[in-house]
Amino acid sequence: FTKVYWPTGPGPNDRGLSRKHILESINGSLRRLKTDYVDLYQAHRYDF
């Protein structure tokens, strides 16, 4: 399991639950976790 929302870089799009951040973040997480998929991908907070 991993999650997405909190900042992982300095830019305004390196955080939150925008389409851009989610689709870029899943790729980064898979690369770091050395796996082709995660069983559960979680919104780490609600993005207002």
All heavy atoms as atom14 arrays in JSON, in Angstrom:
{
  "sequence": "FTKVYWPTGPGPNDRGLSRKHILESINGSLRRLKTDYVDLYQAHRYDF",
  "atom14_mask": [
    [1, 1, 1, 1, 1, 1, 1, 1, 1, 1, 1, 0, 0, 0],
    [1, 1, 1, 1, 1, 1, 1, 0, 0, 0, 0, 0, 0, 0],
    [1, 1, 1, 1, 1, 1, 1, 1, 1, 0, 0, 0, 0, 0],
    [1, 1, 1, 1, 1, 1, 1, 0, 0, 0, 0, 0, 0, 0],
    [1, 1, 1, 1, 1, 1, 1, 1, 1, 1, 1, 1, 0, 0],
    [1, 1, 1, 1, 1, 1, 1, 1, 1, 1, 1, 1, 1, 1],
    [1, 1, 1, 1, 1, 1, 1, 0, 0, 0, 0, 0, 0, 0],
    [1, 1, 1, 1, 1, 1, 1, 0, 0, 0, 0, 0, 0, 0],
    [1, 1, 1, 1, 0, 0, 0, 0, 0, 0, 0, 0, 0, 0],
    [1, 1, 1, 1, 1, 1, 1, 0, 0, 0, 0, 0, 0, 0],
    [1, 1, 1, 1, 0, 0, 0, 0, 0, 0, 0, 0, 0, 0],
    [1, 1, 1, 1, 1, 1, 1, 0, 0, 0, 0, 0, 0, 0],
    [1, 1, 1, 1, 1, 1, 1, 1, 0, 0, 0, 0, 0, 0],
    [1, 1, 1, 1, 1, 1, 1, 1, 0, 0, 0, 0, 0, 0],
    [1, 1, 1, 1, 1, 1, 1, 1, 1, 1, 1, 0, 0, 0],
    [1, 1, 1, 1, 0, 0, 0, 0, 0, 0, 0, 0, 0, 0],
    [1, 1, 1, 1, 1, 1, 1, 1, 0, 0, 0, 0, 0, 0],
    [1, 1, 1, 1, 1, 1, 0, 0, 0, 0, 0, 0, 0, 0],
    [1, 1, 1, 1, 1, 1, 1, 1, 1, 1, 1, 0, 0, 0],
    [1, 1, 1, 1, 1, 1, 1, 1, 1, 0, 0, 0, 0, 0],
    [1, 1, 1, 1, 1, 1, 1, 1, 1, 1, 0, 0, 0, 0],
    [1, 1, 1, 1, 1, 1, 1, 1, 0, 0, 0, 0, 0, 0],
    [1, 1, 1, 1, 1, 1, 1, 1, 0, 0, 0, 0, 0, 0],
    [1, 1, 1, 1, 1, 1, 1, 1, 1, 0, 0, 0, 0, 0],
    [1, 1, 1, 1, 1, 1, 0, 0, 0, 0, 0, 0, 0, 0],
    [1, 1, 1, 1, 1, 1, 1, 1, 0, 0, 0, 0, 0, 0],
    [1, 1, 1, 1, 1, 1, 1, 1, 0, 0, 0, 0, 0, 0],
    [1, 1, 1, 1, 0, 0, 0, 0, 0, 0, 0, 0, 0, 0],
    [1, 1, 1, 1, 1, 1, 0, 0, 0, 0, 0, 0, 0, 0],
    [1, 1, 1, 1, 1, 1, 1, 1, 0, 0, 0, 0, 0, 0],
    [1, 1, 1, 1, 1, 1, 1, 1, 1, 1, 1, 0, 0, 0],
    [1, 1, 1, 1, 1, 1, 1, 1, 1, 1, 1, 0, 0, 0],
    [1, 1, 1, 1, 1, 1, 1, 1, 0, 0, 0, 0, 0, 0],
    [1, 1, 1, 1, 1, 1, 1, 1, 1, 0, 0, 0, 0, 0],
    [1, 1, 1, 1, 1, 1, 1, 0, 0, 0, 0, 0, 0, 0],
    [1, 1, 1, 1, 1, 1, 1, 1, 0, 0, 0, 0, 0, 0],
    [1, 1, 1, 1, 1, 1, 1, 1, 1, 1, 1, 1, 0, 0],
    [1, 1, 1, 1, 1, 1, 1, 0, 0, 0, 0, 0, 0, 0],
    [1, 1, 1, 1, 1, 1, 1, 1, 0, 0, 0, 0, 0, 0],
    [1, 1, 1, 1, 1, 1, 1, 1, 0, 0, 0, 0, 0, 0],
    [1, 1, 1, 1, 1, 1, 1, 1, 1, 1, 1, 1, 0, 0],
    [1, 1, 1, 1, 1, 1, 1, 1, 1, 0, 0, 0, 0, 0],
    [1, 1, 1, 1, 1, 0, 0, 0, 0, 0, 0, 0, 0, 0],
    [1, 1, 1, 1, 1, 1, 1, 1, 1, 1, 0, 0, 0, 0],
    [1, 1, 1, 1, 1, 1, 1, 1, 1, 1, 1, 0, 0, 0],
    [1, 1, 1, 1, 1, 1, 1, 1, 1, 1, 1, 1, 0, 0],
    [1, 1, 1, 1, 1, 1, 1, 1, 0, 0, 0, 0, 0, 0],
    [1, 1, 1, 1, 1, 1, 1, 1, 1, 1, 1, 0, 0, 0]
  ],
  "atom14_positions": [
    [[0.84, -1.2, 0.0], [0.0, 0.0, 0.0], [0.88, 1.25, 0.0], [1.89, 1.29, 0.71], [-0.87, 0.07, 1.27], [-1.81, -1.09, 1.49], [-2.47, -1.21, 2.71], [-2.04, -2.05, 0.52], [-3.35, -2.26, 2.95], [-2.91, -3.11, 0.74], [-3.57, -3.21, 1.96], [0.0, 0.0, 0.0], [0.0, 0.0, 0.0], [0.0, 0.0, 0.0]],
    [[0.49, 2.27, -0.74], [1.14, 3.56, -0.61], [0.1, 4.67, -0.76], [-1.09, 4.4, -0.94], [2.32, 3.73, -1.59], [3.1, 4.87, -1.2], [1.86, 3.88, -3.02], [0.0, 0.0, 0.0], [0.0, 0.0, 0.0], [0.0, 0.0, 0.0], [0.0, 0.0, 0.0], [0.0, 0.0, 0.0], [0.0, 0.0, 0.0], [0.0, 0.0, 0.0]],
    [[0.55, 5.93, -0.69], [-0.39, 7.05, -0.64], [0.15, 8.24, -1.45], [1.36, 8.33, -1.73], [-0.6, 7.51, 0.81], [-0.91, 6.39, 1.79], [-1.13, 6.95, 3.2], [-1.05, 5.86, 4.24], [0.34, 5.39, 4.46], [0.0, 0.0, 0.0], [0.0, 0.0, 0.0], [0.0, 0.0, 0.0], [0.0, 0.0, 0.0], [0.0, 0.0, 0.0]],
    [[-0.78, 9.17, -1.73], [-0.44, 10.38, -2.46], [-1.24, 11.55, -1.88], [-2.39, 11.4, -1.51], [-0.77, 10.21, -3.97], [-2.22, 9.84, -4.19], [-0.43, 11.47, -4.77], [0.0, 0.0, 0.0], [0.0, 0.0, 0.0], [0.0, 0.0, 0.0], [0.0, 0.0, 0.0], [0.0, 0.0, 0.0], [0.0, 0.0, 0.0], [0.0, 0.0, 0.0]],
    [[-0.61, 12.7, -1.78], [-1.24, 13.98, -1.43], [-0.19, 14.98, -0.96], [-0.09, 16.07, -1.49], [-2.31, 13.84, -0.33], [-2.78, 15.21, 0.21], [-3.73, 15.95, -0.49], [-2.23, 15.77, 1.37], [-4.14, 17.2, -0.03], [-2.62, 17.01, 1.83], [-3.58, 17.72, 1.14], [-3.97, 18.95, 1.59], [0.0, 0.0, 0.0], [0.0, 0.0, 0.0]],
    [[0.58, 14.63, 0.07], [1.51, 15.6, 0.67], [2.65, 15.93, -0.29], [2.94, 15.14, -1.21], [2.07, 15.04, 1.99], [1.02, 14.86, 3.05], [0.46, 13.7, 3.46], [0.4, 15.89, 3.85], [-0.47, 13.93, 4.45], [-0.53, 15.26, 4.71], [0.53, 17.28, 3.9], [-1.31, 15.97, 5.61], [-0.24, 17.99, 4.81], [-1.16, 17.34, 5.65]],
    [[3.32, 17.07, -0.1], [4.36, 17.49, -1.04], [5.51, 16.49, -1.17], [6.0, 15.96, -0.19], [4.87, 18.8, -0.43], [3.74, 19.3, 0.42], [3.09, 18.07, 0.96], [0.0, 0.0, 0.0], [0.0, 0.0, 0.0], [0.0, 0.0, 0.0], [0.0, 0.0, 0.0], [0.0, 0.0, 0.0], [0.0, 0.0, 0.0], [0.0, 0.0, 0.0]],
    [[5.9, 16.26, -2.41], [7.08, 15.43, -2.68], [8.1, 16.19, -3.53], [9.05, 15.61, -4.04], [6.67, 14.14, -3.41], [5.87, 14.47, -4.55], [5.9, 13.21, -2.49], [0.0, 0.0, 0.0], [0.0, 0.0, 0.0], [0.0, 0.0, 0.0], [0.0, 0.0, 0.0], [0.0, 0.0, 0.0], [0.0, 0.0, 0.0], [0.0, 0.0, 0.0]],
    [[7.87, 17.49, -3.71], [8.78, 18.32, -4.47], [8.44, 19.79, -4.22], [7.48, 20.1, -3.52], [0.0, 0.0, 0.0], [0.0, 0.0, 0.0], [0.0, 0.0, 0.0], [0.0, 0.0, 0.0], [0.0, 0.0, 0.0], [0.0, 0.0, 0.0], [0.0, 0.0, 0.0], [0.0, 0.0, 0.0], [0.0, 0.0, 0.0], [0.0, 0.0, 0.0]],
    [[9.21, 20.7, -4.8], [9.05, 22.13, -4.5], [7.95, 22.83, -5.29], [7.54, 23.93, -4.95], [10.41, 22.71, -4.88], [10.89, 21.81, -6.0], [10.4, 20.44, -5.64], [0.0, 0.0, 0.0], [0.0, 0.0, 0.0], [0.0, 0.0, 0.0], [0.0, 0.0, 0.0], [0.0, 0.0, 0.0], [0.0, 0.0, 0.0], [0.0, 0.0, 0.0]],
    [[7.46, 22.22, -6.36], [6.52, 22.9, -7.23], [5.09, 22.88, -6.75], [4.71, 22.04, -5.92], [0.0, 0.0, 0.0], [0.0, 0.0, 0.0], [0.0, 0.0, 0.0], [0.0, 0.0, 0.0], [0.0, 0.0, 0.0], [0.0, 0.0, 0.0], [0.0, 0.0, 0.0], [0.0, 0.0, 0.0], [0.0, 0.0, 0.0], [0.0, 0.0, 0.0]],
    [[4.24, 23.77, -7.27], [2.83, 23.84, -6.86], [2.04, 22.59, -7.25], [0.99, 22.32, -6.67], [2.31, 25.08, -7.57], [3.21, 25.27, -8.74], [4.56, 24.8, -8.28], [0.0, 0.0, 0.0], [0.0, 0.0, 0.0], [0.0, 0.0, 0.0], [0.0, 0.0, 0.0], [0.0, 0.0, 0.0], [0.0, 0.0, 0.0], [0.0, 0.0, 0.0]],
    [[2.54, 21.83, -8.23], [1.85, 20.61, -8.64], [2.47, 19.35, -8.05], [2.09, 18.23, -8.42], [1.83, 20.5, -10.17], [0.88, 21.52, -10.79], [-0.26, 21.64, -10.38], [1.38, 22.28, -11.75], [0.0, 0.0, 0.0], [0.0, 0.0, 0.0], [0.0, 0.0, 0.0], [0.0, 0.0, 0.0], [0.0, 0.0, 0.0], [0.0, 0.0, 0.0]],
    [[3.42, 19.52, -7.14], [4.05, 18.38, -6.47], [3.29, 18.0, -5.2], [3.87, 17.48, -4.26], [5.51, 18.71, -6.1], [6.39, 18.85, -7.33], [6.18, 18.08, -8.28], [7.27, 19.73, -7.32], [0.0, 0.0, 0.0], [0.0, 0.0, 0.0], [0.0, 0.0, 0.0], [0.0, 0.0, 0.0], [0.0, 0.0, 0.0], [0.0, 0.0, 0.0]],
    [[2.0, 18.23, -5.17], [1.19, 18.01, -3.98], [-0.28, 17.96, -4.38], [-0.66, 18.34, -5.49], [1.42, 19.13, -2.97], [1.0, 20.5, -3.51], [1.78, 21.62, -2.87], [3.18, 21.57, -3.29], [4.2, 21.91, -2.5], [3.98, 22.34, -1.28], [5.45, 21.84, -2.95], [0.0, 0.0, 0.0], [0.0, 0.0, 0.0], [0.0, 0.0, 0.0]],
    [[-1.1, 17.49, -3.47], [-2.54, 17.49, -3.72], [-3.01, 16.27, -4.48], [-2.28, 15.28, -4.67], [0.0, 0.0, 0.0], [0.0, 0.0, 0.0], [0.0, 0.0, 0.0], [0.0, 0.0, 0.0], [0.0, 0.0, 0.0], [0.0, 0.0, 0.0], [0.0, 0.0, 0.0], [0.0, 0.0, 0.0], [0.0, 0.0, 0.0], [0.0, 0.0, 0.0]],
    [[-4.26, 16.34, -4.96], [-4.89, 15.21, -5.65], [-5.36, 15.62, -7.04], [-6.4, 15.16, -7.53], [-6.06, 14.66, -4.83], [-5.71, 14.09, -3.46], [-6.96, 13.63, -2.73], [-4.71, 12.93, -3.57], [0.0, 0.0, 0.0], [0.0, 0.0, 0.0], [0.0, 0.0, 0.0], [0.0, 0.0, 0.0], [0.0, 0.0, 0.0], [0.0, 0.0, 0.0]],
    [[-4.6, 16.49, -7.68], [-4.9, 16.82, -9.07], [-4.59, 15.61, -9.95], [-3.84, 14.7, -9.57], [-4.06, 18.0, -9.54], [-2.69, 17.62, -9.62], [0.0, 0.0, 0.0], [0.0, 0.0, 0.0], [0.0, 0.0, 0.0], [0.0, 0.0, 0.0], [0.0, 0.0, 0.0], [0.0, 0.0, 0.0], [0.0, 0.0, 0.0], [0.0, 0.0, 0.0]],
    [[-5.16, 15.59, -11.14], [-4.86, 14.51, -12.08], [-3.36, 14.45, -12.36], [-2.76, 13.36, -12.37], [-5.63, 14.74, -13.38], [-5.37, 13.69, -14.44], [-6.22, 13.92, -15.7], [-5.94, 12.88, -16.68], [-6.46, 11.66, -16.66], [-7.29, 11.32, -15.69], [-6.16, 10.77, -17.6], [0.0, 0.0, 0.0], [0.0, 0.0, 0.0], [0.0, 0.0, 0.0]],
    [[-2.76, 15.6, -12.58], [-1.32, 15.64, -12.85], [-0.52, 14.99, -11.74], [0.33, 14.12, -11.98], [-0.86, 17.09, -13.05], [0.64, 17.24, -13.27], [1.01, 18.7, -13.53], [2.53, 18.91, -13.55], [3.19, 18.16, -14.64], [0.0, 0.0, 0.0], [0.0, 0.0, 0.0], [0.0, 0.0, 0.0], [0.0, 0.0, 0.0], [0.0, 0.0, 0.0]],
    [[-0.79, 15.39, -10.49], [0.02, 14.88, -9.39], [-0.21, 13.38, -9.16], [0.73, 12.63, -8.9], [-0.26, 15.66, -8.1], [0.66, 15.29, -6.98], [2.02, 15.3, -7.1], [0.4, 14.9, -5.7], [2.58, 14.93, -5.96], [1.62, 14.67, -5.1], [0.0, 0.0, 0.0], [0.0, 0.0, 0.0], [0.0, 0.0, 0.0], [0.0, 0.0, 0.0]],
    [[-1.46, 12.94, -9.26], [-1.74, 11.51, -9.04], [-1.05, 10.65, -10.09], [-0.38, 9.66, -9.77], [-3.27, 11.26, -9.04], [-3.9, 11.81, -7.76], [-3.57, 9.76, -9.18], [-5.41, 11.75, -7.73], [0.0, 0.0, 0.0], [0.0, 0.0, 0.0], [0.0, 0.0, 0.0], [0.0, 0.0, 0.0], [0.0, 0.0, 0.0], [0.0, 0.0, 0.0]],
    [[-1.18, 11.01, -11.37], [-0.62, 10.18, -12.43], [0.91, 10.21, -12.43], [1.55, 9.2, -12.78], [-1.16, 10.62, -13.79], [-2.68, 10.44, -13.98], [-3.1, 10.84, -15.39], [-3.1, 9.01, -13.68], [0.0, 0.0, 0.0], [0.0, 0.0, 0.0], [0.0, 0.0, 0.0], [0.0, 0.0, 0.0], [0.0, 0.0, 0.0], [0.0, 0.0, 0.0]],
    [[1.49, 11.32, -12.04], [2.95, 11.36, -11.92], [3.43, 10.65, -10.66], [4.46, 9.96, -10.68], [3.44, 12.81, -11.93], [3.24, 13.5, -13.28], [3.59, 14.97, -13.28], [3.75, 15.56, -12.18], [3.72, 15.54, -14.39], [0.0, 0.0, 0.0], [0.0, 0.0, 0.0], [0.0, 0.0, 0.0], [0.0, 0.0, 0.0], [0.0, 0.0, 0.0]],
    [[2.67, 10.78, -9.58], [3.1, 10.2, -8.3], [3.05, 8.69, -8.29], [3.93, 8.04, -7.71], [2.24, 10.76, -7.16], [2.49, 12.13, -6.98], [0.0, 0.0, 0.0], [0.0, 0.0, 0.0], [0.0, 0.0, 0.0], [0.0, 0.0, 0.0], [0.0, 0.0, 0.0], [0.0, 0.0, 0.0], [0.0, 0.0, 0.0], [0.0, 0.0, 0.0]],
    [[2.03, 8.1, -8.94], [1.97, 6.64, -8.95], [3.19, 6.06, -9.66], [3.77, 5.05, -9.23], [0.66, 6.11, -9.58], [0.56, 4.58, -9.44], [0.52, 6.52, -11.03], [0.51, 4.08, -8.02], [0.0, 0.0, 0.0], [0.0, 0.0, 0.0], [0.0, 0.0, 0.0], [0.0, 0.0, 0.0], [0.0, 0.0, 0.0], [0.0, 0.0, 0.0]],
    [[3.64, 6.73, -10.72], [4.83, 6.24, -11.44], [6.07, 6.31, -10.55], [6.89, 5.39, -10.54], [5.03, 7.04, -12.72], [3.96, 6.76, -13.76], [3.37, 5.69, -13.77], [3.7, 7.73, -14.62], [0.0, 0.0, 0.0], [0.0, 0.0, 0.0], [0.0, 0.0, 0.0], [0.0, 0.0, 0.0], [0.0, 0.0, 0.0], [0.0, 0.0, 0.0]],
    [[6.2, 7.41, -9.8], [7.34, 7.54, -8.89], [7.3, 6.49, -7.8], [8.33, 5.89, -7.45], [0.0, 0.0, 0.0], [0.0, 0.0, 0.0], [0.0, 0.0, 0.0], [0.0, 0.0, 0.0], [0.0, 0.0, 0.0], [0.0, 0.0, 0.0], [0.0, 0.0, 0.0], [0.0, 0.0, 0.0], [0.0, 0.0, 0.0], [0.0, 0.0, 0.0]],
    [[6.12, 6.25, -7.24], [5.99, 5.26, -6.17], [6.33, 3.86, -6.67], [7.04, 3.1, -6.0], [4.58, 5.28, -5.59], [4.36, 6.46, -4.83], [0.0, 0.0, 0.0], [0.0, 0.0, 0.0], [0.0, 0.0, 0.0], [0.0, 0.0, 0.0], [0.0, 0.0, 0.0], [0.0, 0.0, 0.0], [0.0, 0.0, 0.0], [0.0, 0.0, 0.0]],
    [[5.84, 3.51, -7.86], [6.13, 2.18, -8.41], [7.63, 2.0, -8.66], [8.19, 0.93, -8.4], [5.35, 1.95, -9.7], [3.82, 1.91, -9.57], [3.18, 1.68, -10.93], [3.36, 0.87, -8.56], [0.0, 0.0, 0.0], [0.0, 0.0, 0.0], [0.0, 0.0, 0.0], [0.0, 0.0, 0.0], [0.0, 0.0, 0.0], [0.0, 0.0, 0.0]],
    [[8.26, 3.05, -9.14], [9.71, 2.98, -9.38], [10.47, 2.76, -8.07], [11.36, 1.91, -7.98], [10.17, 4.27, -10.07], [11.65, 4.27, -10.45], [12.04, 5.54, -11.16], [11.88, 6.73, -10.32], [10.92, 7.64, -10.45], [10.0, 7.5, -11.41], [10.86, 8.69, -9.66], [0.0, 0.0, 0.0], [0.0, 0.0, 0.0], [0.0, 0.0, 0.0]],
    [[10.1, 3.53, -7.05], [10.8, 3.42, -5.77], [10.51, 2.09, -5.08], [11.39, 1.51, -4.43], [10.41, 4.59, -4.86], [10.97, 5.93, -5.33], [10.69, 7.03, -4.34], [9.28, 7.4, -4.3], [8.7, 8.34, -5.03], [9.42, 9.02, -5.93], [7.42, 8.63, -4.9], [0.0, 0.0, 0.0], [0.0, 0.0, 0.0], [0.0, 0.0, 0.0]],
    [[9.29, 1.61, -5.19], [8.91, 0.35, -4.55], [9.35, -0.88, -5.35], [9.19, -2.01, -4.89], [7.4, 0.31, -4.34], [6.87, 1.24, -3.24], [5.36, 1.41, -3.38], [7.22, 0.7, -1.86], [0.0, 0.0, 0.0], [0.0, 0.0, 0.0], [0.0, 0.0, 0.0], [0.0, 0.0, 0.0], [0.0, 0.0, 0.0], [0.0, 0.0, 0.0]],
    [[9.87, -0.66, -6.56], [10.34, -1.74, -7.43], [9.24, -2.77, -7.7], [9.44, -3.98, -7.58], [11.58, -2.43, -6.8], [12.76, -1.51, -6.57], [13.95, -2.26, -6.0], [15.1, -1.31, -5.64], [15.61, -0.58, -6.81], [0.0, 0.0, 0.0], [0.0, 0.0, 0.0], [0.0, 0.0, 0.0], [0.0, 0.0, 0.0], [0.0, 0.0, 0.0]],
    [[8.08, -2.26, -8.06], [6.96, -3.14, -8.37], [6.17, -2.57, -9.55], [6.25, -1.36, -9.82], [6.04, -3.31, -7.14], [4.98, -4.22, -7.46], [5.43, -1.98, -6.71], [0.0, 0.0, 0.0], [0.0, 0.0, 0.0], [0.0, 0.0, 0.0], [0.0, 0.0, 0.0], [0.0, 0.0, 0.0], [0.0, 0.0, 0.0], [0.0, 0.0, 0.0]],
    [[5.44, -3.43, -10.24], [4.64, -2.99, -11.38], [3.3, -2.41, -10.95], [2.64, -1.72, -11.74], [4.38, -4.16, -12.34], [5.66, -4.66, -12.99], [6.58, -3.84, -13.19], [5.73, -5.87, -13.28], [0.0, 0.0, 0.0], [0.0, 0.0, 0.0], [0.0, 0.0, 0.0], [0.0, 0.0, 0.0], [0.0, 0.0, 0.0], [0.0, 0.0, 0.0]],
    [[2.86, -2.72, -9.74], [1.57, -2.24, -9.24], [1.57, -2.22, -7.73], [2.39, -2.89, -7.09], [0.43, -3.16, -9.74], [0.46, -4.55, -9.11], [-0.31, -4.84, -7.98], [1.28, -5.56, -9.63], [-0.26, -6.1, -7.39], [1.32, -6.81, -9.04], [0.55, -7.08, -7.92], [0.6, -8.33, -7.33], [0.0, 0.0, 0.0], [0.0, 0.0, 0.0]],
    [[0.69, -1.42, -7.16], [0.43, -1.49, -5.72], [-0.97, -2.08, -5.55], [-1.84, -1.92, -6.4], [0.53, -0.12, -5.03], [1.96, 0.37, -5.01], [-0.4, 0.91, -5.67], [0.0, 0.0, 0.0], [0.0, 0.0, 0.0], [0.0, 0.0, 0.0], [0.0, 0.0, 0.0], [0.0, 0.0, 0.0], [0.0, 0.0, 0.0], [0.0, 0.0, 0.0]],
    [[-1.14, -2.77, -4.45], [-2.45, -3.36, -4.18], [-3.47, -2.31, -3.78], [-4.65, -2.44, -4.09], [-2.31, -4.43, -3.09], [-1.39, -5.55, -3.54], [-0.16, -5.42, -3.35], [-1.89, -6.54, -4.1], [0.0, 0.0, 0.0], [0.0, 0.0, 0.0], [0.0, 0.0, 0.0], [0.0, 0.0, 0.0], [0.0, 0.0, 0.0], [0.0, 0.0, 0.0]],
    [[-3.01, -1.28, -3.09], [-3.91, -0.21, -2.64], [-3.22, 1.13, -2.78], [-2.11, 1.32, -2.28], [-4.31, -0.44, -1.17], [-5.3, 0.57, -0.57], [-6.69, 0.4, -1.18], [-5.37, 0.42, 0.95], [0.0, 0.0, 0.0], [0.0, 0.0, 0.0], [0.0, 0.0, 0.0], [0.0, 0.0, 0.0], [0.0, 0.0, 0.0], [0.0, 0.0, 0.0]],
    [[-3.88, 2.06, -3.47], [-3.36, 3.43, -3.63], [-4.32, 4.36, -2.91], [-5.52, 4.38, -3.2], [-3.28, 3.78, -5.12], [-2.37, 4.94, -5.44], [-1.17, 5.14, -4.75], [-2.69, 5.84, -6.46], [-0.33, 6.21, -5.07], [-1.85, 6.9, -6.79], [-0.68, 7.08, -6.08], [0.16, 8.13, -6.39], [0.0, 0.0, 0.0], [0.0, 0.0, 0.0]],
    [[-3.8, 5.14, -1.95], [-4.65, 5.89, -1.04], [-4.47, 7.4, -1.15], [-3.34, 7.88, -1.25], [-4.35, 5.46, 0.41], [-4.53, 3.97, 0.67], [-3.79, 3.54, 1.92], [-4.37, 3.47, 3.0], [-2.5, 3.25, 1.79], [0.0, 0.0, 0.0], [0.0, 0.0, 0.0], [0.0, 0.0, 0.0], [0.0, 0.0, 0.0], [0.0, 0.0, 0.0]],
    [[-5.59, 8.11, -1.1], [-5.56, 9.57, -1.01], [-5.19, 9.92, 0.43], [-5.98, 9.69, 1.35], [-6.91, 10.15, -1.37], [0.0, 0.0, 0.0], [0.0, 0.0, 0.0], [0.0, 0.0, 0.0], [0.0, 0.0, 0.0], [0.0, 0.0, 0.0], [0.0, 0.0, 0.0], [0.0, 0.0, 0.0], [0.0, 0.0, 0.0], [0.0, 0.0, 0.0]],
    [[-4.01, 10.48, 0.61], [-3.46, 10.66, 1.96], [-4.22, 11.71, 2.78], [-4.12, 11.75, 4.0], [-1.98, 11.03, 1.85], [-1.16, 10.59, 3.02], [0.21, 10.45, 2.96], [-1.48, 10.25, 4.28], [0.68, 10.06, 4.13], [-0.32, 9.94, 4.95], [0.0, 0.0, 0.0], [0.0, 0.0, 0.0], [0.0, 0.0, 0.0], [0.0, 0.0, 0.0]],
    [[-4.93, 12.58, 2.12], [-5.87, 13.51, 2.74], [-6.89, 13.9, 1.66], [-6.74, 13.53, 0.5], [-5.16, 14.78, 3.28], [-4.3, 14.57, 4.52], [-5.08, 14.12, 5.72], [-4.26, 14.06, 6.94], [-3.53, 13.02, 7.33], [-3.5, 11.94, 6.56], [-2.84, 13.06, 8.45], [0.0, 0.0, 0.0], [0.0, 0.0, 0.0], [0.0, 0.0, 0.0]],
    [[-7.88, 14.66, 2.05], [-8.85, 15.19, 1.09], [-8.27, 16.48, 0.53], [-7.67, 17.27, 1.25], [-10.17, 15.47, 1.8], [-11.31, 15.81, 0.88], [-12.11, 14.81, 0.32], [-11.61, 17.13, 0.55], [-13.16, 15.11, -0.53], [-12.66, 17.45, -0.29], [-13.43, 16.43, -0.83], [-14.47, 16.74, -1.67], [0.0, 0.0, 0.0], [0.0, 0.0, 0.0]],
    [[-8.44, 16.7, -0.77], [-7.9, 17.91, -1.4], [-9.04, 18.87, -1.73], [-9.81, 18.65, -2.66], [-7.15, 17.54, -2.68], [-6.46, 18.73, -3.33], [-6.61, 19.86, -2.81], [-5.78, 18.54, -4.36], [0.0, 0.0, 0.0], [0.0, 0.0, 0.0], [0.0, 0.0, 0.0], [0.0, 0.0, 0.0], [0.0, 0.0, 0.0], [0.0, 0.0, 0.0]],
    [[-9.15, 19.94, -0.94], [-10.21, 20.91, -1.13], [-9.99, 21.79, -2.35], [-10.88, 22.51, -2.78], [-10.35, 21.8, 0.12], [-10.9, 21.07, 1.31], [-10.06, 20.61, 2.32], [-12.26, 20.83, 1.43], [-10.57, 19.94, 3.42], [-12.78, 20.16, 2.52], [-11.94, 19.71, 3.52], [0.0, 0.0, 0.0], [0.0, 0.0, 0.0], [0.0, 0.0, 0.0]]
  ]
}
